[in-house]
Amino acid sequence: MQPLDVLLVAAFDPELAPFVAATAPAARSGLTSGLARLGSQTVAVRAVGVGMPAAAAGAATAIAELAPRLVVLVGTCGAYRASGLAIGDVVVADGVRVADGFAVEGRAEFPAPMVTALASDPRPRTELVARGARSVDVATTLGITVDDASAARIAQGTQAQVEHLEAFGVAHACAVRGVPFAAVLGVANFVGTGAREEWRTNHHAASAAVARCILQWLEGSACIMQ
């Protein structure tokens, strides 16, 4: 099997559409089916599923099949209001953690052996920040937080700047397989009561901003994770 430099994953296909368009010439490039070349990087794209459990399983399956040198999660996220972020910003994960409203309030606890926080790989994070992405901590919840007070408590309790449903699941699959992980997300909404409507309005533009950042990075990097 031809070596794969970067596996781009997202929760569902619309978040991968800009990358599918950019890699379409792969059918004429002589590369193995499903692979493309961006600059000097061999790239594949894969939707892994919506929500933390599905994304973890989907990412683990893709990693086992494709053996990438690096996994990059792409998509959209919600920003907590105290983060200082704006809709349209592109962020790169510094770390990701499981977030639970009851645990934040002290009404539930994660068992001691459970992994609840993971760091992303520093090299792609540094390179993406140099291209304009903002470094953040990501909270992964089981459901979308649609209450303003709950959003504020989770932000304060986790010290995260954004919320994303799949980030921890993908990061954990990468950690188990020993594959470096990065996440690049576009802010499509603020977390809270208006989140769903804001996301519907902004998610296409946020995904496009992420794609521009990542494509510039891939096409301009001579060597990634080698």
Protein backbone atom coordinates (compact mmCIF):
# COMPACT_ATOMS: atom_id res chain seq x y z
CA MET A 1 0.00 0.00 0.00
CA GLN A 2 1.27 3.46 -0.90
CA PRO A 3 2.30 5.47 2.20
CA LEU A 4 -0.27 8.01 3.33
CA ASP A 5 1.05 11.25 4.77
CA VAL A 6 -2.17 12.91 5.94
CA LEU A 7 -5.64 11.53 6.61
CA LEU A 8 -8.22 14.31 6.74
CA VAL A 9 -11.31 13.30 8.70
CA ALA A 10 -14.58 15.03 9.53
CA ALA A 11 -17.86 14.13 11.13
CA PHE A 12 -19.78 14.13 7.85
CA ASP A 13 -19.27 14.66 4.14
CA PRO A 14 -20.23 18.36 3.79
CA GLU A 15 -17.26 19.35 5.96
CA LEU A 16 -14.97 17.47 3.56
CA ALA A 17 -16.45 18.87 0.34
CA PRO A 18 -13.72 21.51 -0.23
CA PHE A 19 -11.03 18.85 0.15
CA VAL A 20 -12.79 16.41 -2.17
CA ALA A 21 -12.89 19.14 -4.81
CA ALA A 22 -9.20 19.94 -4.28
CA THR A 23 -8.16 16.29 -4.55
CA ALA A 24 -10.38 15.37 -7.52
CA PRO A 25 -7.42 15.24 -9.97
CA ALA A 26 -6.20 12.13 -8.11
CA ALA A 27 -8.21 10.03 -10.54
CA ARG A 28 -5.79 11.14 -13.28
CA SER A 29 -2.60 11.15 -11.21
CA GLY A 30 -1.78 7.45 -11.15
CA LEU A 31 -2.08 7.27 -7.37
CA THR A 32 -3.86 4.46 -5.59
CA SER A 33 -7.65 4.91 -5.67
CA GLY A 34 -8.78 7.19 -2.89
CA LEU A 35 -5.43 8.96 -2.50
CA ALA A 36 -4.43 12.36 -3.85
CA ARG A 37 -1.37 14.56 -3.79
CA LEU A 38 -1.33 18.10 -2.43
CA GLY A 39 2.12 19.62 -2.85
CA SER A 40 4.46 16.86 -1.74
CA GLN A 41 1.88 15.25 0.59
CA THR A 42 -0.17 12.13 -0.11
CA VAL A 43 -3.65 12.80 1.26
CA ALA A 44 -6.90 10.90 1.81
CA VAL A 45 -10.26 12.10 3.13
CA ARG A 46 -12.79 10.16 5.22
CA ALA A 47 -16.03 10.95 7.05
CA VAL A 48 -15.94 9.17 10.42
CA GLY A 49 -19.38 9.82 11.92
CA VAL A 50 -21.31 12.32 14.02
CA GLY A 51 -20.78 12.32 17.80
CA MET A 52 -17.94 11.11 19.99
CA PRO A 53 -18.62 7.31 19.92
CA ALA A 54 -19.16 7.13 16.16
CA ALA A 55 -16.16 9.35 15.42
CA ALA A 56 -13.87 7.26 17.63
CA ALA A 57 -14.93 4.04 15.91
CA GLY A 58 -14.79 5.57 12.44
CA ALA A 59 -11.36 7.09 13.00
CA ALA A 60 -9.98 3.83 14.42
CA THR A 61 -11.26 1.93 11.37
CA ALA A 62 -9.77 4.45 8.94
CA ILE A 63 -6.41 4.47 10.73
CA ALA A 64 -6.22 0.67 10.68
CA GLU A 65 -7.04 0.60 6.97
CA LEU A 66 -4.89 3.48 5.73
CA ALA A 67 -1.98 3.72 8.24
CA PRO A 68 -1.54 7.51 7.97
CA ARG A 69 1.46 9.39 9.33
CA LEU A 70 -0.84 12.15 10.61
CA VAL A 71 -4.60 12.50 11.19
CA VAL A 72 -6.13 15.97 10.89
CA LEU A 73 -9.71 16.46 12.05
CA VAL A 74 -11.52 19.23 10.19
CA GLY A 75 -14.95 20.74 10.65
CA THR A 76 -16.85 23.44 12.48
CA CYS A 77 -17.17 24.25 16.15
CA GLY A 78 -18.97 26.50 18.59
CA ALA A 79 -17.05 29.13 20.54
CA TYR A 80 -17.76 29.84 24.19
CA ARG A 81 -18.63 33.51 24.60
CA ALA A 82 -15.77 34.24 26.98
CA SER A 83 -13.21 32.89 24.49
CA GLY A 84 -12.71 36.14 22.57
CA LEU A 85 -13.26 34.26 19.31
CA ALA A 86 -15.51 35.44 16.49
CA ILE A 87 -17.63 33.55 13.98
CA GLY A 88 -15.41 32.79 11.00
CA ASP A 89 -12.19 32.34 13.00
CA VAL A 90 -10.08 29.26 12.26
CA VAL A 91 -8.71 27.48 15.33
CA VAL A 92 -6.28 24.64 15.89
CA ALA A 93 -6.54 22.39 18.93
CA ASP A 94 -3.85 22.60 21.56
CA GLY A 95 -5.60 19.97 23.68
CA VAL A 96 -8.97 18.21 23.71
CA ARG A 97 -10.95 17.00 26.72
CA VAL A 98 -14.20 15.28 27.57
CA ALA A 99 -16.71 17.71 29.04
CA ASP A 100 -19.81 16.91 31.05
CA GLY A 101 -22.11 19.44 32.66
CA PHE A 102 -22.78 17.28 35.71
CA ALA A 103 -19.06 16.68 36.25
CA VAL A 104 -18.37 20.40 36.00
CA GLU A 105 -20.99 21.01 38.68
CA GLY A 106 -19.57 18.29 40.94
CA ARG A 107 -22.62 16.04 40.54
CA ALA A 108 -20.75 13.37 38.56
CA GLU A 109 -17.18 12.10 38.39
CA PHE A 110 -15.02 10.50 35.75
CA PRO A 111 -13.41 7.28 37.07
CA ALA A 112 -9.69 7.62 37.75
CA PRO A 113 -8.49 5.21 35.00
CA MET A 114 -10.50 7.07 32.33
CA VAL A 115 -8.53 9.24 29.90
CA THR A 116 -10.29 12.59 29.74
CA ALA A 117 -7.69 14.91 28.15
CA LEU A 118 -5.23 14.57 25.27
CA ALA A 119 -2.78 16.94 23.57
CA SER A 120 -2.45 17.45 19.85
CA ASP A 121 0.87 17.07 18.05
CA PRO A 122 2.96 20.24 18.39
CA ARG A 123 4.48 20.34 14.91
CA PRO A 124 1.32 20.73 12.79
CA ARG A 125 -0.18 22.95 15.48
CA THR A 126 2.79 25.33 15.31
CA GLU A 127 2.76 25.41 11.51
CA LEU A 128 -0.99 26.07 11.36
CA VAL A 129 -0.80 28.86 13.94
CA ALA A 130 1.90 30.44 11.76
CA ARG A 131 -0.67 30.43 8.95
CA GLY A 132 -3.25 32.29 11.00
CA ALA A 133 -5.11 29.65 13.02
CA ARG A 134 -5.64 30.41 16.71
CA SER A 135 -4.55 27.81 19.27
CA VAL A 136 -7.39 26.72 21.59
CA ASP A 137 -8.48 24.02 23.98
CA VAL A 138 -11.45 21.97 22.78
CA ALA A 139 -14.23 20.55 24.95
CA THR A 140 -16.02 17.47 23.59
CA THR A 141 -19.55 16.97 24.88
CA LEU A 142 -22.00 14.16 24.09
CA GLY A 143 -24.62 16.66 22.94
CA ILE A 144 -24.72 20.23 21.68
CA THR A 145 -24.93 22.66 24.59
CA VAL A 146 -27.98 24.85 23.91
CA ASP A 147 -28.28 26.63 27.27
CA ASP A 148 -26.29 29.81 27.91
CA ALA A 149 -25.74 29.20 31.63
CA SER A 150 -24.59 25.61 31.01
CA ALA A 151 -22.23 26.80 28.28
CA ALA A 152 -20.66 29.33 30.65
CA ARG A 153 -20.20 26.68 33.36
CA ILE A 154 -18.56 24.22 30.96
CA ALA A 155 -16.25 26.90 29.60
CA GLN A 156 -15.21 27.94 33.08
CA GLY A 157 -14.87 24.39 34.38
CA THR A 158 -12.82 23.07 31.47
CA GLN A 159 -10.99 26.27 30.48
CA ALA A 160 -11.83 25.38 26.88
CA GLN A 161 -12.49 28.00 24.25
CA VAL A 162 -14.58 25.91 21.83
CA GLU A 163 -16.95 22.94 21.81
CA HIS A 164 -16.88 20.12 19.26
CA LEU A 165 -18.70 16.78 19.41
CA GLU A 166 -16.10 14.56 17.74
CA ALA A 167 -12.65 15.92 18.64
CA PHE A 168 -11.92 13.77 21.69
CA GLY A 169 -13.16 10.60 19.99
CA VAL A 170 -10.79 11.10 17.04
CA ALA A 171 -7.92 12.13 19.31
CA HIS A 172 -8.39 9.01 21.45
CA ALA A 173 -8.42 6.72 18.41
CA CYS A 174 -5.16 8.32 17.28
CA ALA A 175 -3.59 7.95 20.74
CA VAL A 176 -4.49 4.26 20.91
CA ARG A 177 -2.92 3.65 17.49
CA GLY A 178 0.11 5.89 18.15
CA VAL A 179 -0.69 8.28 15.30
CA PRO A 180 -0.10 12.05 15.63
CA PHE A 181 -3.31 14.08 15.78
CA ALA A 182 -4.31 17.64 14.91
CA ALA A 183 -7.67 19.39 14.70
CA VAL A 184 -8.47 22.48 12.64
CA LEU A 185 -11.96 23.91 13.07
CA GLY A 186 -13.93 26.91 11.88
CA VAL A 187 -16.07 28.81 14.37
CA ALA A 188 -19.64 28.65 13.03
CA ASN A 189 -21.59 29.68 16.15
CA PHE A 190 -21.45 30.65 19.78
CA VAL A 191 -22.32 27.88 22.22
CA GLY A 192 -25.73 28.37 23.80
CA THR A 193 -29.33 29.08 22.92
CA GLY A 194 -28.68 30.38 19.41
CA ALA A 195 -26.15 27.72 18.45
CA ARG A 196 -28.23 25.67 16.03
CA GLU A 197 -29.52 28.57 13.95
CA GLU A 198 -26.09 30.26 13.84
CA TRP A 199 -24.50 27.00 12.73
CA ARG A 200 -27.00 26.55 9.88
CA THR A 201 -26.21 30.06 8.70
CA ASN A 202 -22.42 29.90 8.98
CA HIS A 203 -21.17 26.30 8.67
CA HIS A 204 -20.45 26.36 4.92
CA ALA A 205 -18.35 29.53 5.21
CA ALA A 206 -16.57 28.19 8.31
CA SER A 207 -15.72 24.92 6.53
CA ALA A 208 -14.40 26.85 3.54
CA ALA A 209 -12.13 28.94 5.79
CA VAL A 210 -10.72 25.77 7.34
CA ALA A 211 -10.09 24.30 3.91
CA ARG A 212 -8.19 27.38 2.74
CA CYS A 213 -5.93 27.24 5.80
CA ILE A 214 -5.20 23.53 5.52
CA LEU A 215 -4.73 23.47 1.75
CA GLN A 216 -2.21 26.33 1.96
CA TRP A 217 -0.39 24.44 4.71
CA LEU A 218 -0.30 21.12 2.86
CA GLU A 219 0.72 22.62 -0.45
CA GLY A 220 3.44 24.73 1.17
CA SER A 221 5.00 22.07 3.43
CA ALA A 222 7.91 20.08 2.05
CA CYS A 223 7.72 17.34 4.67
CA ILE A 224 5.05 16.50 7.25
CA MET A 225 5.66 14.02 10.10
CA GLN A 226 8.53 12.23 8.33
